[in-house]
Every structure is written in C-alpha cells, then in structure tokens.
Protein backbone atom coordinates (compact mmCIF):
# COMPACT_ATOMS: atom_id res chain seq x y z
CA UNK A 1 -2.89 -5.69 -3.05
CA UNK A 2 -3.04 -4.45 0.50
CA UNK A 3 -6.43 -3.27 1.73
CA UNK A 4 -7.35 -1.45 4.93
CA UNK A 5 -10.93 -1.63 6.17
CA UNK A 6 -12.25 1.92 6.53
CA UNK A 7 -13.50 3.36 9.79
CA UNK A 8 -17.22 3.38 9.01
CA UNK A 9 -17.91 6.34 11.27
CA UNK A 10 -15.48 8.82 9.78
CA UNK A 11 -14.14 7.91 6.34
CA UNK A 12 -15.00 10.20 3.43
CA UNK A 13 -12.66 8.73 0.82
CA UNK A 14 -11.73 5.15 0.05
CA UNK A 15 -9.39 4.70 -2.83
CA UNK A 16 -6.87 2.47 -4.53
CA UNK A 17 -3.42 3.89 -5.09
CA UNK A 18 -0.78 2.15 -7.20
CA UNK A 19 2.58 1.66 -5.55
CA UNK A 20 4.43 4.24 -7.72
CA UNK A 21 1.91 6.87 -6.57
CA UNK A 22 2.09 6.28 -2.80
CA UNK A 23 3.95 9.47 -1.95
CA UNK A 24 2.25 11.51 -4.69
CA UNK A 25 -1.15 10.98 -3.02
CA UNK A 26 0.22 12.04 0.34
CA UNK A 27 1.13 8.81 2.11
CA UNK A 28 3.91 9.56 4.54
CA UNK A 29 7.22 8.03 3.39
CA UNK A 30 7.33 5.58 6.32
CA UNK A 31 3.76 4.42 5.58
CA UNK A 32 4.56 4.07 1.86
CA UNK A 33 7.67 2.03 2.75
CA UNK A 34 5.72 -0.25 5.14
CA UNK A 35 3.03 -0.95 2.53
CA UNK A 36 5.64 -1.50 -0.19
CA UNK A 37 7.37 -3.99 2.11
CA UNK A 38 4.08 -5.88 2.53
CA UNK A 39 3.49 -5.90 -1.25
CA UNK A 40 6.95 -7.43 -1.77
CA UNK A 41 6.24 -10.37 0.55
CA UNK A 42 4.85 -13.64 -0.82
CA UNK A 43 1.08 -13.77 -0.54
CA UNK A 44 0.77 -17.32 0.72
CA UNK A 45 -2.56 -19.13 0.48
CA UNK A 46 -6.05 -17.68 0.57
CA UNK A 47 -7.69 -18.05 3.99
CA UNK A 48 -10.92 -19.12 2.28
CA UNK A 49 -9.94 -21.52 -0.50
CA UNK A 50 -6.19 -22.14 -0.37
CA UNK A 51 -5.47 -20.67 -3.83
CA UNK A 52 -2.65 -18.17 -4.24
CA UNK A 53 -3.32 -15.03 -2.23
CA UNK A 54 -3.07 -11.68 -3.97
CA UNK A 55 -4.76 -9.55 -1.29
CA UNK A 56 -3.68 -8.78 2.26
CA UNK A 57 -6.66 -7.47 4.25
CA UNK A 58 -6.40 -5.53 7.48
CA UNK A 59 -9.55 -5.11 9.54
CA UNK A 60 -10.15 -1.82 11.29
CA UNK A 61 -9.64 -3.68 14.58
CA UNK A 62 -6.13 -4.74 13.48
CA UNK A 63 -5.07 -1.36 12.11
CA UNK A 64 -7.25 1.58 13.07
CA UNK A 65 -5.13 4.19 11.30
CA UNK A 66 -2.30 4.42 8.80
CA UNK A 67 -0.49 6.37 11.51
CA UNK A 68 0.19 2.97 13.13
CA UNK A 69 3.21 2.40 10.90
CA UNK A 70 4.63 -0.44 13.01
CA UNK A 71 1.33 -2.35 12.70
CA UNK A 72 1.20 -1.71 8.94
CA UNK A 73 4.64 -3.33 8.75
CA UNK A 74 3.98 -6.26 11.11
CA UNK A 75 0.27 -7.06 11.63
CA UNK A 76 -0.61 -10.46 10.20
CA UNK A 77 -3.69 -9.41 8.23
CA UNK A 78 -5.70 -12.00 6.32
CA UNK A 79 -4.53 -13.32 2.96
CA UNK A 80 -7.13 -13.73 0.22
CA UNK A 81 -7.16 -14.68 -3.44
CA UNK A 82 -8.61 -12.04 -5.77
CA UNK A 83 -12.11 -13.55 -5.62
CA UNK A 84 -12.29 -13.72 -1.83
CA UNK A 85 -10.50 -10.40 -1.36
CA UNK A 86 -13.13 -8.65 -3.47
CA UNK A 87 -15.92 -10.47 -1.62
CA UNK A 88 -14.42 -9.43 1.72
CA UNK A 89 -14.24 -5.81 0.60
CA UNK A 90 -17.87 -5.92 -0.55
CA UNK A 91 -18.92 -7.47 2.78
CA UNK A 92 -17.12 -4.66 4.65
CA UNK A 93 -19.11 -2.08 2.70
CA UNK A 94 -22.36 -3.96 3.22
CA UNK A 95 -21.84 -3.72 6.99
CA UNK A 96 -21.85 0.08 6.73
CA UNK A 97 -25.41 1.36 6.99
CA UNK A 98 -24.59 4.87 5.82
CA UNK A 99 -21.46 6.80 4.81
CA UNK A 100 -20.68 10.32 3.67
CA UNK A 101 -18.30 9.30 0.86
CA UNK A 102 -16.91 11.93 -1.47
CA UNK A 103 -14.46 9.81 -3.47
CA UNK A 104 -13.83 6.20 -4.47
CA UNK A 105 -11.98 4.68 -7.41
CA UNK A 106 -11.14 1.34 -9.00
CA UNK A 107 -7.77 -0.42 -8.97
CA UNK A 108 -5.19 0.48 -11.60
CA UNK A 109 -1.58 -0.60 -11.96
CA UNK A 110 0.08 -3.87 -10.99
CA UNK A 111 0.23 -3.47 -7.21
CA UNK A 112 -1.07 -1.05 -4.65
CA UNK A 113 -3.24 -0.44 -1.65
CA UNK A 114 -6.81 0.47 -0.73
CA UNK A 115 -6.63 3.22 1.87
CA UNK A 116 -9.12 5.54 3.51
CA UNK A 117 -9.19 9.04 4.88
C-alpha cells in the first residue's frame, strides 16, 4: 500500500484505490505508473518495529501533490508494517482539527494507494 498524507487545508476526498482501478478513477497515466512502480518494490522493514513493511507513507511535506510525479517515483517515504501504517494514518487524521470531507472509503483489493483530492 502506498499512502499520501492529505493536505489538511484543502482535501475533500481521501480514498483507497486498488491498482487495477488507478486510471479508471482519474489518476494520470504517469502518476498511476509511478505508484505501480512503488508497489512493485520490496517493502523492507517497518520503521517502527522492524517487521515486514506493507505500507509506504508519504508525508505532505515530502509530496505535496500527485502532480509531483518525479517525487512519487523517487521520494523515500517511510515504510511501515500494516499495524504501524494504520496507526500513522490515524495519527495524521487526528492532527486535523476540522475537514470538509465528502468521501472516504476502506481498502479493497490486494494492492493500491490512498490518495486525496
């Protein structure tokens, strides 16, 4: 899983999209290819506990927009196991005092990305 921290000031949707649906949901082909490339790479070890990483987290400071295709392809991100990835995502939401969110969903499929618009 690849997850991008939303911009707390402007996001209205935060959703998981399975890899086969990247282009269907409107990700530009070069963005879809960059994320797919990241999903294909070995996860390494979790930054918190050392177990196998299944999440690659990008803070908003690392990648401010999916328009930054080169950063999506090359930024180091932080590797997390499922437990610490989910905790990190929850912590990101807890730091947001208020948001005008119209849509969120839960993960489905084998691999994919959390993105925001």
